[in-house]
Protein backbone atom coordinates (compact mmCIF):
# COMPACT_ATOMS: atom_id res chain seq x y z
CA MET A 1 126.39 203.05 119.52
CA ARG A 2 128.58 204.44 117.53
CA LYS A 3 125.93 207.32 116.64
CA PHE A 4 126.01 207.80 120.36
CA LEU A 5 129.51 208.37 120.74
CA SER A 6 129.70 210.45 117.71
CA LEU A 7 126.40 212.91 119.38
CA LEU A 8 128.54 212.90 123.15
CA ALA A 9 131.85 214.03 120.53
CA ILE A 10 130.60 216.87 118.84
CA THR A 11 128.38 217.33 122.36
CA PHE A 12 131.99 217.58 124.16
CA LEU A 13 132.94 220.28 121.65
CA ILE A 14 130.40 222.70 121.67
CA MET A 15 131.05 222.90 125.37
CA SER A 16 134.65 222.86 124.67
CA CYS A 17 134.00 225.58 122.34
CA THR A 18 132.24 227.51 124.66
CA ASP A 19 134.66 227.28 127.69
CA ASP A 20 138.05 227.91 125.51
CA VAL A 21 136.37 231.17 123.70
CA LYS A 22 135.60 232.54 126.97
CA PHE A 23 138.58 231.51 128.51
CA ASN A 24 140.64 233.46 126.08
CA ASP A 25 140.03 236.70 126.82
CA PRO A 26 139.16 238.40 124.29
CA GLY A 27 138.19 235.77 121.77
CA PHE A 28 136.34 234.84 118.61
CA GLN A 29 136.05 231.51 117.82
CA GLY A 30 132.47 228.65 116.29
CA LEU A 31 132.20 226.03 114.24
CA LYS A 32 132.83 226.73 110.32
CA ASP A 33 131.40 223.77 108.43
CA ASP A 34 131.34 221.24 111.72
CA TYR A 35 134.61 222.06 112.51
CA LEU A 36 136.37 224.30 114.83
CA TRP A 37 137.40 227.91 113.75
CA ARG A 38 139.13 230.17 116.63
CA ALA A 39 140.15 233.80 115.05
CA ASN A 40 144.24 234.99 115.77
CA ASP A 41 142.95 238.62 115.95
CA ALA A 42 139.66 240.25 116.35
CA ARG A 43 138.77 243.65 116.43
CA ALA A 44 135.39 245.55 116.56
CA TYR A 45 134.94 249.25 114.90
CA ILE A 46 131.76 251.58 115.55
CA ASN A 47 130.93 254.23 112.17
CA ASN A 48 127.65 255.77 112.48
CA GLY A 49 126.49 253.70 114.85
CA LYS A 50 127.15 251.03 113.14
CA LEU A 51 129.52 247.55 114.70
CA THR A 52 131.72 245.73 112.74
CA ILE A 53 133.50 242.72 113.84
CA GLU A 54 136.55 241.56 112.44
CA ALA A 55 138.35 238.35 112.67
CA TYR A 56 141.44 236.67 111.20
CA ALA A 57 142.51 233.71 111.03
CA PRO A 58 145.45 232.71 108.75
CA TYR A 59 143.96 233.44 104.63
CA GLU A 60 140.63 233.88 105.86
CA THR A 61 138.93 236.96 107.59
CA LEU A 62 135.35 236.80 109.15
CA THR A 63 133.89 240.13 108.92
CA LEU A 64 130.11 240.29 110.87
CA GLY A 65 128.01 243.21 111.17
CA THR A 66 124.81 244.67 112.86
CA SER A 67 122.99 248.26 112.64
CA SER A 68 123.62 249.29 116.59
CA THR A 69 125.47 248.17 119.04
CA ASN A 70 122.30 247.80 121.26
CA LEU A 71 121.95 244.33 122.38
CA GLY A 72 119.75 241.86 121.14
CA LYS A 73 119.35 239.61 118.08
CA TYR A 74 120.08 240.86 114.59
CA SER A 75 119.14 238.82 111.29
CA LEU A 76 121.02 238.46 108.31
CA GLY A 77 120.26 237.47 105.61
CA THR A 78 117.46 239.86 105.16
CA THR A 79 117.04 243.36 102.53
CA ASN A 80 118.43 244.43 105.67
CA THR A 81 122.09 244.89 104.69
CA ASN A 82 123.50 246.44 107.94
CA ASN A 83 122.92 243.18 109.20
CA PHE A 84 125.67 240.78 107.84
CA ALA A 85 128.75 238.10 107.79
CA ASN A 86 131.10 237.59 105.04
CA TYR A 87 133.79 234.93 105.27
CA SER A 88 136.61 235.19 102.76
CA SER A 89 140.11 232.70 102.25
CA THR A 90 142.37 232.82 100.17
CA PHE A 91 144.83 229.83 99.45
CA ASP A 92 147.82 229.55 96.31
CA GLY A 93 146.67 233.13 95.36
CA VAL A 94 142.92 231.97 94.87
CA ALA A 95 140.43 233.91 96.45
CA VAL A 96 136.81 232.87 97.39
CA GLU A 97 133.93 234.25 99.41
CA TYR A 98 130.63 233.90 100.73
CA ALA A 99 127.90 236.47 102.49
CA THR A 100 124.67 236.18 103.76
CA ILE A 101 123.21 238.62 100.85
CA PRO A 102 119.89 237.60 99.57
CA SER A 103 119.64 234.31 97.44
CA PRO A 104 116.79 232.64 95.62
CA GLY A 105 116.27 229.11 98.00
CA PRO A 106 113.75 227.91 99.97
CA VAL A 107 111.66 230.22 102.59
CA SER A 108 113.62 230.12 106.28
CA SER A 109 111.04 232.26 107.95
CA ALA A 110 108.36 234.42 107.38
CA THR A 111 106.21 236.68 109.13
CA ILE A 112 103.19 238.63 108.97
CA GLN A 113 102.25 241.82 106.70
CA ASN A 114 98.68 242.11 106.76
CA GLY A 115 96.84 239.45 108.80
CA GLY A 116 93.43 239.59 106.24
CA THR A 117 89.76 239.03 106.78
CA GLY A 118 87.78 235.84 106.19
CA TYR A 119 90.19 232.71 107.01
CA THR A 120 89.53 230.20 109.20
CA ASP A 121 92.56 228.00 110.78
CA ALA A 122 93.73 225.63 108.54
CA SER A 123 96.61 223.69 107.44
CA SER A 124 98.93 223.40 104.38
CA VAL A 125 97.49 226.43 103.04
CA ALA A 126 99.36 227.47 99.87
CA VAL A 127 100.86 230.61 98.97
CA THR A 128 100.94 232.65 95.55
CA GLY A 129 103.46 234.79 94.25
CA GLY A 130 106.42 235.60 94.95
CA SER A 131 109.59 235.05 93.10
CA GLY A 132 109.06 230.65 94.09
CA SER A 133 107.11 228.24 94.33
CA GLY A 134 105.66 225.96 96.78
CA MET A 135 105.50 227.55 100.06
CA SER A 136 102.39 226.20 102.31
CA VAL A 137 101.91 227.33 106.17
CA ASN A 138 99.79 226.01 108.54
CA ILE A 139 97.63 229.17 109.78
CA VAL A 140 95.47 230.67 113.48
CA VAL A 141 93.58 232.86 112.97
CA ASN A 142 91.31 235.44 115.54
CA ALA A 143 87.14 235.58 116.23
CA ILE A 144 87.42 238.38 113.18
CA GLY A 145 88.72 235.78 110.34
CA LYS A 146 92.13 237.86 110.68
CA VAL A 147 95.57 235.22 110.09
CA THR A 148 97.11 235.97 113.44
CA SER A 149 99.90 233.37 113.45
CA ILE A 150 101.65 231.30 110.43
CA THR A 151 103.74 227.88 111.10
CA LEU A 152 105.97 226.98 108.00
CA ILE A 153 105.24 223.75 106.59
CA SER A 154 106.49 223.45 103.02
CA ARG A 155 109.50 226.00 102.70
CA GLY A 156 109.04 225.78 98.50
CA ASN A 157 112.37 226.92 96.91
CA GLY A 158 113.33 229.47 94.80
CA TYR A 159 111.47 232.35 96.80
CA VAL A 160 114.17 235.63 98.07
CA ALA A 161 113.96 237.55 101.42
CA GLY A 162 111.49 240.17 101.19
CA ASP A 163 109.26 238.74 98.80
CA LEU A 164 105.90 239.41 99.36
CA VAL A 165 103.11 236.39 98.96
CA THR A 166 99.27 235.85 99.21
CA VAL A 167 97.62 233.41 101.99
CA THR A 168 95.19 231.82 99.57
CA GLY A 169 91.37 231.33 100.79
CA GLY A 170 89.89 234.05 103.51
CA ASN A 171 89.62 237.05 100.99
CA LEU A 172 93.31 236.77 99.52
CA ASN A 173 94.01 239.88 101.68
CA CYS A 174 96.50 238.12 104.03
CA LYS A 175 100.44 238.91 102.90
CA LEU A 176 103.29 236.83 104.50
CA ARG A 177 106.68 238.66 104.03
CA ILE A 178 109.37 236.19 103.66
CA VAL A 179 112.42 237.33 106.16
CA ASN A 180 115.41 235.12 104.64
CA VAL A 181 116.17 232.05 102.92
CA GLN A 182 118.04 228.65 104.03
CA ASN A 183 121.25 229.06 102.61
CA SER A 184 121.24 232.55 103.39
CA ASN A 185 120.24 233.29 107.17
CA GLY A 186 121.69 233.19 110.56
CA GLU A 187 121.59 235.49 113.42
CA ILE A 188 124.25 237.69 115.76
CA GLU A 189 123.20 238.55 119.21
CA ILE A 190 125.10 241.00 121.24
CA THR A 191 125.12 239.74 124.76
CA LYS A 192 127.03 242.61 126.36
CA PHE A 193 128.91 246.37 125.46
CA ASP A 194 130.57 247.98 127.69
CA ASN A 195 131.39 251.10 126.67
CA VAL A 196 134.42 252.26 129.71
CA LYS A 197 136.56 249.32 128.25
CA MET A 198 134.95 249.26 124.68
CA THR A 199 134.51 245.79 124.23
CA ILE A 200 132.02 243.78 123.40
CA SER A 201 130.65 239.97 123.23
CA GLY A 202 127.94 238.31 121.62
CA LYS A 203 127.16 235.02 120.22
CA PHE A 204 126.07 234.56 115.93
CA LYS A 205 125.24 231.72 114.10
CA PHE A 206 124.52 231.80 109.78
CA ASN A 207 124.77 230.74 105.96
CA ALA A 208 126.66 232.38 103.59
CA VAL A 209 126.62 231.57 99.81
CA LYS A 210 129.21 232.03 97.23
CA SER A 211 129.72 235.77 96.29
CA ASN A 212 132.32 235.08 94.08
CA ASN A 213 132.75 233.53 90.75
CA SER A 214 135.39 231.57 92.38
CA SER A 215 135.39 227.90 90.82
CA VAL A 216 137.00 226.45 94.41
CA GLY A 217 135.04 225.64 97.52
CA ALA A 218 131.01 224.58 98.24
CA GLU A 219 128.15 227.09 97.64
CA VAL A 220 127.61 227.69 100.89
CA ILE A 221 129.56 227.42 104.29
CA ASN A 222 128.22 227.13 107.78
CA TYR A 223 128.91 228.75 111.36
CA GLN A 224 127.23 227.23 113.87
CA TYR A 225 128.13 227.73 118.24
CA GLY A 226 129.94 231.20 117.17
CA GLU A 227 131.00 233.61 120.14
CA PHE A 228 132.77 236.77 120.59
CA TYR A 229 134.13 237.81 123.80
CA ASN A 230 135.58 240.78 125.33
CA VAL A 231 136.43 241.83 121.68
CA GLN A 232 138.07 245.86 121.62
CA ILE A 233 136.56 248.35 120.27
CA TYR A 234 138.54 250.66 117.92
CA PRO A 235 138.52 253.79 116.62
CA SER A 236 137.22 253.27 113.29
CA ILE A 237 139.41 254.31 110.24
């Protein structure tokens, strides 16, 4: 019963979060480490086609960036540094900063770089190479032995975004690219760009690692169910 009530409370909070951010026009908020975080002010800028959104709360700043203003999803924590999330706070003169920068950790997602040859459908296939160890995948192949899809089974540890690993078996020529890892990943989705009123709306979620040497704060922060709604785009400074 207690678990049910907790789940109900979380569901209500998420629904309220979504409703409130659209009620506030403009609005910017999300769940930061499972607590509602709302910006007092949010502003967007476009520079050379790249989007930056800065959101401010007392003593805190959250910055989102994407490589363009095109509608769609942008992955964070990858080798593409144009897509990012940064968070900073300063209390009593002590600053702590977080960013979706490449960081060693368990694999969050990977893509097929080269399907290789000579493989057969298999489960829990180990990979070699890269910065870490312990990663394994299920593989599905086509009629000529080329790997066409993978499912991550063991995330391993110590990998970094951009690592190239080899799937064992076959002719040892199936290559996977590590997209991002669990402690530095996420997504920004642009759902609406009004180039007449110059406003932008969308969603975001991410994990970010501590990026300065502060002795305070957790090593990783998490944002979920984030939304920005009709944020005004200002001329770049």
